[in-house]
Amino acid sequence: MKRLLAVIATFAFGFGMAQNDASIVHEGHYQGKNLYVQNPFAGSGVGFCVIKVTVNGDATTDQISSSAFEIDFGNLNLSLGDPVVVKIEHKTDCLPKVLNPEVLKPKSTFETTSIKVENGKLLKWSTTSEQGKLTYIVEQYRWNKWIKVGEVDGIGTAGANNYEFQVELHSGTNKFRVKQIDYSGKPNISTTASVDSDASKLKLVADKGKDVEFSGETLYEIFDTFGNMVKKGYGKVIDCGNLEKGLYYVNYDNTTGDVWNKNKK
């Protein structure tokens, strides 16, 4: 009986400890800056809220018994871009706050060393000074605006990085660029690559009827008279059977705002 009571007491103590502990986790990549934590008193008024801090599973030696403390990554032998998982264990009757969690998010710092179009359809670019893995957005200048034509995952290391992406040229002069957008929302944009195409200028072959048809395959956008985009894509014959009768404006090849009249259901 005494043994049973001892087991029950031990289980109850462990359960009570579990109920009194909680944790918050921040994940990202090391960007060369430390985290700062606001550490209130426990709800009981005895001691501070934070119990323990680990980085990638290892306990830190930071002094956490204060109203604010710093998680110093400089002591952890991390390199720029290394993945980081910070776990802050705390009592359940209080909640610490990380004041600058954005320092674990990658920042777009790439510099373009070269960007060009090779063999008519392959956009190649090289960069340095990347500090984290961010997606490159590939854009082409068409119809008096920059449009997204694809994405490429960034490597994220500080040395020389090389990328390529298959592009589609329109007739005339083509312009391409790449950009990244980090947590700040501000785009980091490369220099521009230009290449001339010897392809013949395409035409809108069917200017009335059920479908839109071009003289060759092309990127396109179709807008109604209110300026709403109703279709976009790549092709030669576009099924427009689901559109209402009326006038539409079509962007294709390097032509902007050609008028198409749909007069059939």
Protein backbone atom coordinates (compact mmCIF):
# COMPACT_ATOMS: atom_id res chain seq x y z
CA MET A 1 0.00 0.00 0.00
CA LYS A 2 2.81 2.37 0.89
CA ARG A 3 4.54 1.50 -2.40
CA LEU A 4 1.32 2.28 -4.31
CA LEU A 5 0.93 5.64 -2.56
CA ALA A 6 4.52 6.49 -3.37
CA VAL A 7 3.96 5.72 -7.05
CA ILE A 8 0.78 7.83 -7.10
CA ALA A 9 2.56 10.71 -5.36
CA THR A 10 5.45 10.56 -7.82
CA PHE A 11 3.08 10.54 -10.82
CA ALA A 12 1.08 13.45 -9.37
CA PHE A 13 4.27 15.46 -8.80
CA GLY A 14 5.47 14.82 -12.36
CA PHE A 15 2.06 15.69 -13.79
CA GLY A 16 2.00 18.90 -11.76
CA MET A 17 5.44 19.86 -13.08
CA ALA A 18 4.28 19.22 -16.65
CA GLN A 19 1.26 21.41 -16.11
CA ASN A 20 3.48 24.22 -14.81
CA ASP A 21 5.78 24.20 -17.86
CA ALA A 22 5.16 25.47 -21.40
CA SER A 23 7.36 26.59 -24.28
CA ILE A 24 7.54 28.86 -27.31
CA VAL A 25 9.60 28.02 -30.39
CA HIS A 26 11.17 30.32 -32.99
CA GLU A 27 12.71 28.82 -36.13
CA GLY A 28 14.77 30.42 -38.85
CA HIS A 29 18.37 30.90 -39.98
CA TYR A 30 21.26 32.62 -38.27
CA GLN A 31 21.70 36.09 -39.78
CA GLY A 32 24.51 37.37 -37.52
CA LYS A 33 22.25 38.96 -34.88
CA ASN A 34 21.09 37.89 -31.41
CA LEU A 35 17.59 37.53 -29.99
CA TYR A 36 16.35 39.68 -27.10
CA VAL A 37 13.76 38.29 -24.69
CA GLN A 38 11.42 40.17 -22.35
CA ASN A 39 11.13 38.01 -19.24
CA PRO A 40 8.33 38.92 -16.78
CA PHE A 41 7.92 37.61 -13.24
CA ALA A 42 6.03 34.36 -12.83
CA GLY A 43 2.32 34.73 -12.08
CA SER A 44 2.96 33.49 -8.55
CA GLY A 45 5.34 36.40 -8.01
CA VAL A 46 8.19 34.02 -7.23
CA GLY A 47 11.05 34.09 -9.74
CA PHE A 48 11.10 34.92 -13.43
CA CYS A 49 9.01 33.33 -16.15
CA VAL A 50 11.67 31.62 -18.29
CA ILE A 51 12.95 28.27 -17.04
CA LYS A 52 15.34 27.22 -19.79
CA VAL A 53 16.52 28.18 -23.29
CA THR A 54 17.82 25.74 -25.91
CA VAL A 55 19.20 26.38 -29.40
CA ASN A 56 19.10 23.41 -31.77
CA GLY A 57 18.47 21.19 -28.76
CA ASP A 58 21.43 22.41 -26.68
CA ALA A 59 20.91 24.45 -23.52
CA THR A 60 22.41 27.95 -23.63
CA THR A 61 24.53 29.54 -20.93
CA ASP A 62 22.69 32.87 -21.14
CA GLN A 63 21.75 34.51 -17.85
CA ILE A 64 17.96 34.17 -17.89
CA SER A 65 17.26 35.29 -14.32
CA SER A 66 16.46 38.89 -15.21
CA SER A 67 13.60 40.93 -16.62
CA ALA A 68 15.29 40.93 -20.05
CA PHE A 69 18.10 38.87 -21.49
CA GLU A 70 19.95 38.17 -24.72
CA ILE A 71 20.25 34.84 -26.52
CA ASP A 72 23.83 35.09 -27.71
CA PHE A 73 24.36 33.03 -30.87
CA GLY A 74 28.00 34.12 -30.97
CA ASN A 75 28.82 31.43 -28.39
CA LEU A 76 27.31 28.61 -30.48
CA ASN A 77 29.75 28.31 -33.39
CA LEU A 78 27.09 29.10 -36.01
CA SER A 79 27.75 30.25 -39.55
CA LEU A 80 25.60 32.71 -41.48
CA GLY A 81 22.60 30.90 -42.92
CA ASP A 82 22.72 27.94 -40.52
CA PRO A 83 19.27 26.71 -39.44
CA VAL A 84 18.28 27.70 -35.91
CA VAL A 85 15.53 26.37 -33.63
CA VAL A 86 15.15 28.35 -30.40
CA LYS A 87 13.00 26.83 -27.66
CA ILE A 88 12.13 28.94 -24.62
CA GLU A 89 10.65 26.90 -21.77
CA HIS A 90 8.56 28.91 -19.32
CA LYS A 91 5.98 28.64 -16.56
CA THR A 92 2.36 28.46 -17.65
CA ASP A 93 1.18 31.41 -15.56
CA CYS A 94 3.28 33.91 -17.55
CA LEU A 95 4.54 34.49 -21.08
CA PRO A 96 7.97 35.75 -22.20
CA LYS A 97 8.24 37.72 -25.43
CA VAL A 98 10.94 37.67 -28.08
CA LEU A 99 11.38 41.33 -29.05
CA ASN A 100 13.08 40.88 -32.43
CA PRO A 101 12.08 37.54 -34.01
CA GLU A 102 12.69 38.95 -37.49
CA VAL A 103 16.46 38.53 -37.04
CA LEU A 104 16.01 34.81 -37.76
CA LYS A 105 14.30 35.50 -41.06
CA PRO A 106 16.47 35.65 -44.19
CA LYS A 107 17.14 39.08 -45.62
CA SER A 108 17.64 39.63 -49.33
CA THR A 109 21.22 40.85 -49.70
CA PHE A 110 22.18 39.30 -53.04
CA GLU A 111 24.30 41.22 -55.53
CA THR A 112 24.10 40.41 -59.22
CA THR A 113 27.47 39.68 -60.83
CA SER A 114 26.00 38.75 -64.22
CA ILE A 115 22.65 38.17 -65.90
CA LYS A 116 22.09 37.23 -69.55
CA VAL A 117 19.99 35.17 -71.95
CA GLU A 118 21.86 32.35 -73.71
CA ASN A 119 20.81 30.29 -76.74
CA GLY A 120 17.67 32.35 -77.16
CA LYS A 121 15.72 30.86 -74.23
CA LEU A 122 17.91 30.29 -71.16
CA LEU A 123 18.14 33.09 -68.60
CA LYS A 124 21.31 32.72 -66.51
CA TRP A 125 22.36 34.83 -63.56
CA SER A 126 25.09 34.75 -60.95
CA THR A 127 25.05 36.32 -57.49
CA THR A 128 27.11 36.80 -54.36
CA SER A 129 26.42 37.92 -50.76
CA GLU A 130 23.27 35.88 -50.13
CA GLN A 131 22.47 35.49 -46.41
CA GLY A 132 19.53 33.10 -46.47
CA LYS A 133 17.39 30.94 -48.72
CA LEU A 134 14.84 33.10 -50.51
CA THR A 135 12.96 32.46 -53.75
CA TYR A 136 14.01 34.31 -56.88
CA ILE A 137 11.05 35.63 -58.86
CA VAL A 138 11.78 35.74 -62.60
CA GLU A 139 10.12 38.64 -64.43
CA GLN A 140 9.79 39.64 -68.08
CA TYR A 141 8.91 43.12 -69.33
CA ARG A 142 5.77 42.73 -71.46
CA TRP A 143 2.82 44.95 -72.24
CA ASN A 144 4.37 47.98 -70.51
CA LYS A 145 4.81 46.19 -67.17
CA TRP A 146 6.94 43.59 -65.43
CA ILE A 147 5.15 40.24 -65.21
CA LYS A 148 6.12 37.13 -63.26
CA VAL A 149 7.10 34.20 -65.49
CA GLY A 150 8.54 31.79 -62.92
CA GLU A 151 10.41 31.10 -59.68
CA VAL A 152 13.77 29.58 -58.71
CA ASP A 153 14.80 28.61 -55.15
CA GLY A 154 17.77 30.58 -53.83
CA ILE A 155 20.85 28.78 -52.53
CA GLY A 156 21.37 31.25 -49.70
CA THR A 157 25.15 31.08 -49.24
CA ALA A 158 27.50 34.06 -49.30
CA GLY A 159 29.78 32.81 -52.09
CA ALA A 160 29.20 32.70 -55.84
CA ASN A 161 25.84 31.15 -56.79
CA ASN A 162 24.63 30.34 -60.30
CA TYR A 163 21.06 29.99 -61.54
CA GLU A 164 19.15 29.41 -64.78
CA PHE A 165 15.55 29.46 -65.97
CA GLN A 166 13.91 28.64 -69.32
CA VAL A 167 12.12 31.70 -70.75
CA GLU A 168 9.86 32.39 -73.72
CA LEU A 169 10.80 35.27 -76.01
CA HIS A 170 8.36 37.55 -77.79
CA SER A 171 9.19 39.30 -81.05
CA GLY A 172 11.47 42.33 -80.81
CA THR A 173 13.55 43.25 -77.75
CA ASN A 174 13.05 41.17 -74.60
CA LYS A 175 13.98 42.25 -71.07
CA PHE A 176 14.32 40.02 -68.02
CA ARG A 177 15.21 40.48 -64.36
CA VAL A 178 15.01 38.57 -61.06
CA LYS A 179 14.06 39.76 -57.61
CA GLN A 180 13.65 38.58 -54.03
CA ILE A 181 11.21 39.87 -51.42
CA ASP A 182 12.14 39.30 -47.76
CA TYR A 183 10.21 39.84 -44.51
CA SER A 184 10.47 43.62 -44.92
CA GLY A 185 8.31 43.46 -48.05
CA LYS A 186 10.83 45.54 -50.00
CA PRO A 187 12.03 43.89 -53.24
CA ASN A 188 15.71 43.44 -54.02
CA ILE A 189 15.94 43.63 -57.82
CA SER A 190 18.72 42.51 -60.13
CA THR A 191 20.08 44.35 -63.13
CA THR A 192 18.26 43.74 -66.44
CA ALA A 193 19.18 41.31 -69.21
CA SER A 194 18.17 42.24 -72.77
CA VAL A 195 18.05 40.10 -75.89
CA ASP A 196 16.58 40.62 -79.36
CA SER A 197 14.39 37.98 -80.95
CA ASP A 198 14.31 37.39 -84.71
CA ALA A 199 10.83 35.85 -84.47
CA SER A 200 8.09 37.36 -86.61
CA LYS A 201 5.52 39.50 -84.86
CA LEU A 202 2.38 37.49 -84.04
CA LYS A 203 -1.15 38.50 -84.97
CA LEU A 204 -4.62 37.99 -83.56
CA VAL A 205 -6.02 35.76 -86.32
CA ALA A 206 -9.63 35.38 -85.14
CA ASP A 207 -11.07 38.77 -84.23
CA LYS A 208 -14.62 37.47 -83.74
CA GLY A 209 -16.36 34.27 -82.78
CA LYS A 210 -16.05 31.76 -79.98
CA ASP A 211 -12.28 31.47 -79.49
CA VAL A 212 -9.22 33.70 -79.49
CA GLU A 213 -6.62 32.49 -81.98
CA PHE A 214 -3.09 33.77 -82.60
CA SER A 215 -0.74 33.15 -85.52
CA GLY A 216 1.62 31.33 -83.14
CA GLU A 217 1.99 30.26 -79.51
CA THR A 218 2.37 33.13 -77.06
CA LEU A 219 1.82 34.32 -73.52
CA TYR A 220 -1.50 36.17 -73.35
CA GLU A 221 -3.87 38.10 -71.11
CA ILE A 222 -7.56 38.80 -71.86
CA PHE A 223 -9.47 41.62 -70.13
CA ASP A 224 -13.13 42.64 -70.20
CA THR A 225 -14.21 46.25 -70.78
CA PHE A 226 -14.08 46.90 -67.02
CA GLY A 227 -10.40 46.00 -66.88
CA ASN A 228 -10.92 42.62 -65.18
CA MET A 229 -8.55 39.89 -66.31
CA VAL A 230 -10.68 36.93 -67.43
CA LYS A 231 -8.00 34.64 -68.88
CA LYS A 232 -4.22 34.30 -68.95
CA GLY A 233 -1.76 31.66 -70.02
CA TYR A 234 0.27 30.36 -72.95
CA GLY A 235 -1.03 28.94 -76.21
CA LYS A 236 -2.24 29.51 -79.75
CA VAL A 237 -6.00 28.85 -79.60
CA ILE A 238 -7.80 29.95 -76.43
CA ASP A 239 -11.21 28.48 -75.59
CA CYS A 240 -13.41 31.43 -74.62
CA GLY A 241 -16.75 29.61 -74.72
CA ASN A 242 -17.48 30.53 -71.12
CA LEU A 243 -17.16 34.29 -71.75
CA GLU A 244 -20.13 36.57 -72.40
CA LYS A 245 -20.68 38.29 -75.74
CA GLY A 246 -18.92 41.62 -76.10
CA LEU A 247 -15.61 43.35 -76.60
CA TYR A 248 -12.40 42.16 -74.92
CA TYR A 249 -8.86 43.48 -74.85
CA VAL A 250 -6.00 41.07 -75.51
CA ASN A 251 -2.30 41.31 -74.65
CA TYR A 252 -0.07 38.84 -76.52
CA ASP A 253 3.42 38.62 -78.02
CA ASN A 254 4.59 42.24 -77.56
CA THR A 255 1.19 43.71 -78.52
CA THR A 256 -0.90 45.51 -75.92
CA GLY A 257 -4.67 45.98 -75.92
CA ASP A 258 -5.74 44.43 -79.22
CA VAL A 259 -9.55 44.35 -79.46
CA TRP A 260 -11.39 41.01 -79.81
CA ASN A 261 -15.14 40.82 -80.42
CA LYS A 262 -16.93 37.75 -79.06
CA ASN A 263 -20.26 37.41 -80.85
CA LYS A 264 -21.01 33.71 -80.33
CA LYS A 265 -21.93 31.59 -77.33
